[in-house]
Amino acid sequence: MQKITHRWLVLMVVLLLAVGLHTAMPTYAAQRCFSETNQCIDGHIREFWEQNGSLPVFGLPIASQELAVIDGKNVTIQRFERKRATYLSNLR
């Protein structure tokens, strides 16, 4: 009986850890690819693109996301036909 109780306790701890780790992970927008330019957008840049005018405002992506340093800060940038989207990760 003690062996069964120990197994249940271990199982419960593992399940709680798994649920806790899953909820702690940030969720990002899934990748969306465009056959016209063979480029994809995802994550915070995709969220921003969709919430701020998407295709009519930015146009299609013309380059992959890249990491850069602007004013001493690490940023993610992606170039589009009409604009460049910049994500500064420590603002969230």
N, C-alpha and C. Protein backbone atom coordinates (compact mmCIF):
# COMPACT_ATOMS: atom_id res chain seq x y z
N MET A 1 0.82 -1.20 0.00
CA MET A 1 0.00 0.00 0.00
C MET A 1 0.86 1.26 0.00
N GLN A 2 1.93 1.24 0.74
CA GLN A 2 2.82 2.39 0.82
C GLN A 2 3.48 2.65 -0.54
N LYS A 3 3.79 1.58 -1.28
CA LYS A 3 4.41 1.70 -2.59
C LYS A 3 3.45 2.38 -3.58
N ILE A 4 2.17 2.05 -3.53
CA ILE A 4 1.16 2.66 -4.41
C ILE A 4 1.00 4.14 -4.06
N THR A 5 0.96 4.49 -2.79
CA THR A 5 0.83 5.87 -2.36
C THR A 5 2.03 6.69 -2.83
N HIS A 6 3.22 6.12 -2.75
CA HIS A 6 4.43 6.80 -3.21
C HIS A 6 4.37 7.05 -4.71
N ARG A 7 3.90 6.09 -5.48
CA ARG A 7 3.78 6.26 -6.93
C ARG A 7 2.79 7.38 -7.27
N TRP A 8 1.66 7.42 -6.57
CA TRP A 8 0.68 8.47 -6.81
C TRP A 8 1.26 9.84 -6.48
N LEU A 9 1.99 9.91 -5.40
CA LEU A 9 2.60 11.17 -5.01
C LEU A 9 3.60 11.64 -6.07
N VAL A 10 4.44 10.74 -6.55
CA VAL A 10 5.40 11.08 -7.59
C VAL A 10 4.68 11.51 -8.86
N LEU A 11 3.64 10.79 -9.24
CA LEU A 11 2.87 11.13 -10.43
C LEU A 11 2.24 12.52 -10.30
N MET A 12 1.69 12.83 -9.15
CA MET A 12 1.06 14.14 -8.94
C MET A 12 2.10 15.26 -9.01
N VAL A 13 3.27 15.05 -8.44
CA VAL A 13 4.32 16.06 -8.49
C VAL A 13 4.75 16.30 -9.93
N VAL A 14 4.95 15.23 -10.69
CA VAL A 14 5.34 15.37 -12.09
C VAL A 14 4.28 16.11 -12.89
N LEU A 15 3.02 15.79 -12.68
CA LEU A 15 1.93 16.47 -13.39
C LEU A 15 1.86 17.95 -13.02
N LEU A 16 2.01 18.26 -11.75
CA LEU A 16 1.97 19.66 -11.33
C LEU A 16 3.14 20.45 -11.91
N LEU A 17 4.30 19.84 -11.95
CA LEU A 17 5.45 20.50 -12.56
C LEU A 17 5.23 20.73 -14.05
N ALA A 18 4.68 19.74 -14.71
CA ALA A 18 4.44 19.86 -16.15
C ALA A 18 3.43 20.98 -16.43
N VAL A 19 2.38 21.05 -15.66
CA VAL A 19 1.37 22.11 -15.85
C VAL A 19 1.98 23.46 -15.52
N GLY A 20 2.75 23.54 -14.45
CA GLY A 20 3.39 24.80 -14.07
C GLY A 20 4.36 25.29 -15.11
N LEU A 21 5.14 24.41 -15.70
CA LEU A 21 6.09 24.81 -16.73
C LEU A 21 5.38 25.21 -18.00
N HIS A 22 4.31 24.52 -18.32
CA HIS A 22 3.56 24.85 -19.53
C HIS A 22 2.96 26.25 -19.43
N THR A 23 2.37 26.60 -18.31
CA THR A 23 1.74 27.91 -18.18
C THR A 23 2.77 29.03 -18.06
N ALA A 24 3.99 28.70 -17.65
CA ALA A 24 5.02 29.72 -17.52
C ALA A 24 5.64 30.09 -18.86
N MET A 25 5.46 29.25 -19.86
CA MET A 25 6.05 29.50 -21.17
C MET A 25 5.21 30.54 -21.91
N PRO A 26 5.84 31.57 -22.47
CA PRO A 26 5.08 32.56 -23.22
C PRO A 26 4.55 31.97 -24.52
N THR A 27 3.41 32.46 -24.95
CA THR A 27 2.86 32.00 -26.21
C THR A 27 3.06 33.09 -27.26
N TYR A 28 3.40 32.70 -28.44
CA TYR A 28 3.64 33.62 -29.52
C TYR A 28 2.77 33.25 -30.71
N ALA A 29 2.55 34.22 -31.56
CA ALA A 29 1.77 33.95 -32.77
C ALA A 29 2.50 32.93 -33.64
N ALA A 30 1.75 32.01 -34.18
CA ALA A 30 2.32 30.98 -35.04
C ALA A 30 2.86 31.62 -36.33
N GLN A 31 3.71 30.90 -36.99
CA GLN A 31 4.33 31.38 -38.21
C GLN A 31 3.31 31.48 -39.35
N ARG A 32 3.40 32.54 -40.11
CA ARG A 32 2.59 32.72 -41.31
C ARG A 32 3.55 33.02 -42.45
N CYS A 33 3.47 32.21 -43.49
CA CYS A 33 4.41 32.34 -44.61
C CYS A 33 3.68 32.85 -45.85
N PHE A 34 4.43 33.55 -46.69
CA PHE A 34 3.88 34.15 -47.90
C PHE A 34 4.64 33.60 -49.10
N SER A 35 3.91 32.96 -50.00
CA SER A 35 4.55 32.37 -51.17
C SER A 35 5.09 33.44 -52.13
N GLU A 36 4.50 34.63 -52.09
CA GLU A 36 4.93 35.71 -52.99
C GLU A 36 6.39 36.11 -52.75
N THR A 37 6.82 36.08 -51.50
CA THR A 37 8.20 36.50 -51.18
C THR A 37 9.02 35.38 -50.55
N ASN A 38 8.38 34.25 -50.31
CA ASN A 38 9.05 33.11 -49.67
C ASN A 38 9.59 33.49 -48.29
N GLN A 39 8.88 34.39 -47.58
CA GLN A 39 9.27 34.84 -46.25
C GLN A 39 8.13 34.57 -45.28
N CYS A 40 8.47 34.47 -43.99
CA CYS A 40 7.49 34.19 -42.94
C CYS A 40 7.56 35.25 -41.86
N ILE A 41 6.45 35.42 -41.15
CA ILE A 41 6.41 36.27 -39.97
C ILE A 41 5.87 35.44 -38.83
N ASP A 42 6.31 35.74 -37.61
CA ASP A 42 5.78 35.03 -36.44
C ASP A 42 6.06 35.83 -35.18
N GLY A 43 5.59 35.31 -34.07
CA GLY A 43 5.87 35.91 -32.78
C GLY A 43 5.27 37.30 -32.62
N HIS A 44 5.99 38.13 -31.87
CA HIS A 44 5.51 39.48 -31.57
C HIS A 44 5.42 40.34 -32.82
N ILE A 45 6.30 40.11 -33.76
CA ILE A 45 6.24 40.91 -34.99
C ILE A 45 4.98 40.57 -35.77
N ARG A 46 4.59 39.29 -35.82
CA ARG A 46 3.33 38.94 -36.50
C ARG A 46 2.15 39.58 -35.77
N GLU A 47 2.14 39.51 -34.45
CA GLU A 47 1.04 40.11 -33.68
C GLU A 47 0.94 41.61 -34.00
N PHE A 48 2.07 42.30 -34.00
CA PHE A 48 2.08 43.74 -34.29
C PHE A 48 1.60 44.00 -35.71
N TRP A 49 2.10 43.23 -36.66
CA TRP A 49 1.73 43.37 -38.07
C TRP A 49 0.22 43.25 -38.23
N GLU A 50 -0.38 42.23 -37.59
CA GLU A 50 -1.82 41.99 -37.73
C GLU A 50 -2.65 43.06 -37.03
N GLN A 51 -2.17 43.58 -35.90
CA GLN A 51 -2.94 44.55 -35.12
C GLN A 51 -2.79 45.99 -35.61
N ASN A 52 -1.85 46.22 -36.52
CA ASN A 52 -1.56 47.58 -36.94
C ASN A 52 -1.60 47.78 -38.45
N GLY A 53 -2.48 47.08 -39.11
CA GLY A 53 -2.71 47.35 -40.52
C GLY A 53 -2.34 46.24 -41.47
N SER A 54 -1.55 45.31 -41.04
CA SER A 54 -1.13 44.15 -41.83
C SER A 54 -0.72 44.50 -43.26
N LEU A 55 -1.24 43.77 -44.21
CA LEU A 55 -0.80 43.88 -45.61
C LEU A 55 -0.95 45.29 -46.21
N PRO A 56 -2.09 45.97 -46.04
CA PRO A 56 -2.21 47.31 -46.64
C PRO A 56 -1.19 48.32 -46.10
N VAL A 57 -0.80 48.20 -44.84
CA VAL A 57 0.11 49.16 -44.23
C VAL A 57 1.57 48.76 -44.42
N PHE A 58 1.89 47.52 -44.11
CA PHE A 58 3.28 47.07 -44.13
C PHE A 58 3.71 46.45 -45.46
N GLY A 59 2.78 45.81 -46.13
CA GLY A 59 3.13 45.04 -47.31
C GLY A 59 3.60 43.66 -46.90
N LEU A 60 4.15 42.94 -47.83
CA LEU A 60 4.65 41.58 -47.58
C LEU A 60 6.03 41.63 -46.94
N PRO A 61 6.38 40.61 -46.15
CA PRO A 61 7.74 40.55 -45.61
C PRO A 61 8.73 40.31 -46.74
N ILE A 62 9.85 41.02 -46.71
CA ILE A 62 10.86 40.85 -47.76
C ILE A 62 12.18 40.32 -47.20
N ALA A 63 12.22 40.09 -45.90
CA ALA A 63 13.43 39.54 -45.27
C ALA A 63 13.01 38.78 -44.02
N SER A 64 13.88 37.90 -43.57
CA SER A 64 13.63 37.15 -42.34
C SER A 64 13.84 38.05 -41.13
N GLN A 65 13.30 37.63 -39.98
CA GLN A 65 13.58 38.35 -38.75
C GLN A 65 15.06 38.24 -38.44
N GLU A 66 15.61 39.31 -37.91
CA GLU A 66 17.02 39.28 -37.53
C GLU A 66 17.21 40.03 -36.22
N LEU A 67 18.23 39.64 -35.49
CA LEU A 67 18.58 40.32 -34.24
C LEU A 67 19.52 41.46 -34.56
N ALA A 68 19.34 42.58 -33.89
CA ALA A 68 20.19 43.75 -34.10
C ALA A 68 20.35 44.48 -32.77
N VAL A 69 21.30 45.39 -32.73
CA VAL A 69 21.48 46.26 -31.57
C VAL A 69 21.23 47.69 -32.04
N ILE A 70 20.23 48.32 -31.45
CA ILE A 70 19.89 49.71 -31.78
C ILE A 70 19.94 50.51 -30.48
N ASP A 71 20.75 51.56 -30.46
CA ASP A 71 20.94 52.38 -29.26
C ASP A 71 21.32 51.53 -28.06
N GLY A 72 22.14 50.52 -28.28
CA GLY A 72 22.62 49.67 -27.20
C GLY A 72 21.61 48.64 -26.69
N LYS A 73 20.49 48.49 -27.39
CA LYS A 73 19.45 47.55 -26.96
C LYS A 73 19.28 46.46 -28.00
N ASN A 74 19.10 45.23 -27.52
CA ASN A 74 18.85 44.11 -28.43
C ASN A 74 17.42 44.18 -28.94
N VAL A 75 17.26 44.12 -30.24
CA VAL A 75 15.94 44.18 -30.86
C VAL A 75 15.83 43.12 -31.94
N THR A 76 14.59 42.77 -32.26
CA THR A 76 14.32 41.91 -33.41
C THR A 76 13.69 42.80 -34.47
N ILE A 77 14.20 42.72 -35.68
CA ILE A 77 13.63 43.53 -36.76
C ILE A 77 13.24 42.64 -37.92
N GLN A 78 12.26 43.10 -38.68
CA GLN A 78 11.89 42.43 -39.91
C GLN A 78 11.45 43.50 -40.90
N ARG A 79 11.96 43.38 -42.11
CA ARG A 79 11.65 44.36 -43.16
C ARG A 79 10.47 43.88 -44.01
N PHE A 80 9.62 44.84 -44.31
CA PHE A 80 8.46 44.60 -45.16
C PHE A 80 8.56 45.51 -46.38
N GLU A 81 7.65 45.37 -47.32
CA GLU A 81 7.69 46.17 -48.55
C GLU A 81 7.66 47.67 -48.26
N ARG A 82 6.86 48.08 -47.27
CA ARG A 82 6.69 49.50 -47.01
C ARG A 82 7.24 49.99 -45.68
N LYS A 83 7.53 49.10 -44.76
CA LYS A 83 7.98 49.51 -43.42
C LYS A 83 8.92 48.48 -42.83
N ARG A 84 9.54 48.85 -41.71
CA ARG A 84 10.34 47.92 -40.94
C ARG A 84 9.70 47.79 -39.56
N ALA A 85 9.48 46.57 -39.12
CA ALA A 85 8.93 46.33 -37.77
C ALA A 85 10.10 46.03 -36.84
N THR A 86 10.08 46.67 -35.67
CA THR A 86 11.13 46.49 -34.67
C THR A 86 10.48 46.09 -33.36
N TYR A 87 10.99 45.01 -32.76
CA TYR A 87 10.47 44.54 -31.47
C TYR A 87 11.57 44.64 -30.43
N LEU A 88 11.32 45.40 -29.38
CA LEU A 88 12.24 45.54 -28.25
C LEU A 88 11.72 44.66 -27.13
N SER A 89 12.37 43.55 -26.87
CA SER A 89 11.84 42.51 -25.99
C SER A 89 11.62 42.94 -24.55
N ASN A 90 12.34 43.90 -24.02
CA ASN A 90 12.16 44.24 -22.61
C ASN A 90 11.03 45.22 -22.36
N LEU A 91 10.23 45.55 -23.36
CA LEU A 91 9.07 46.41 -23.16
C LEU A 91 7.87 45.65 -22.63
N ARG A 92 7.82 44.34 -22.80
CA ARG A 92 6.67 43.54 -22.36
C ARG A 92 6.80 43.14 -20.93
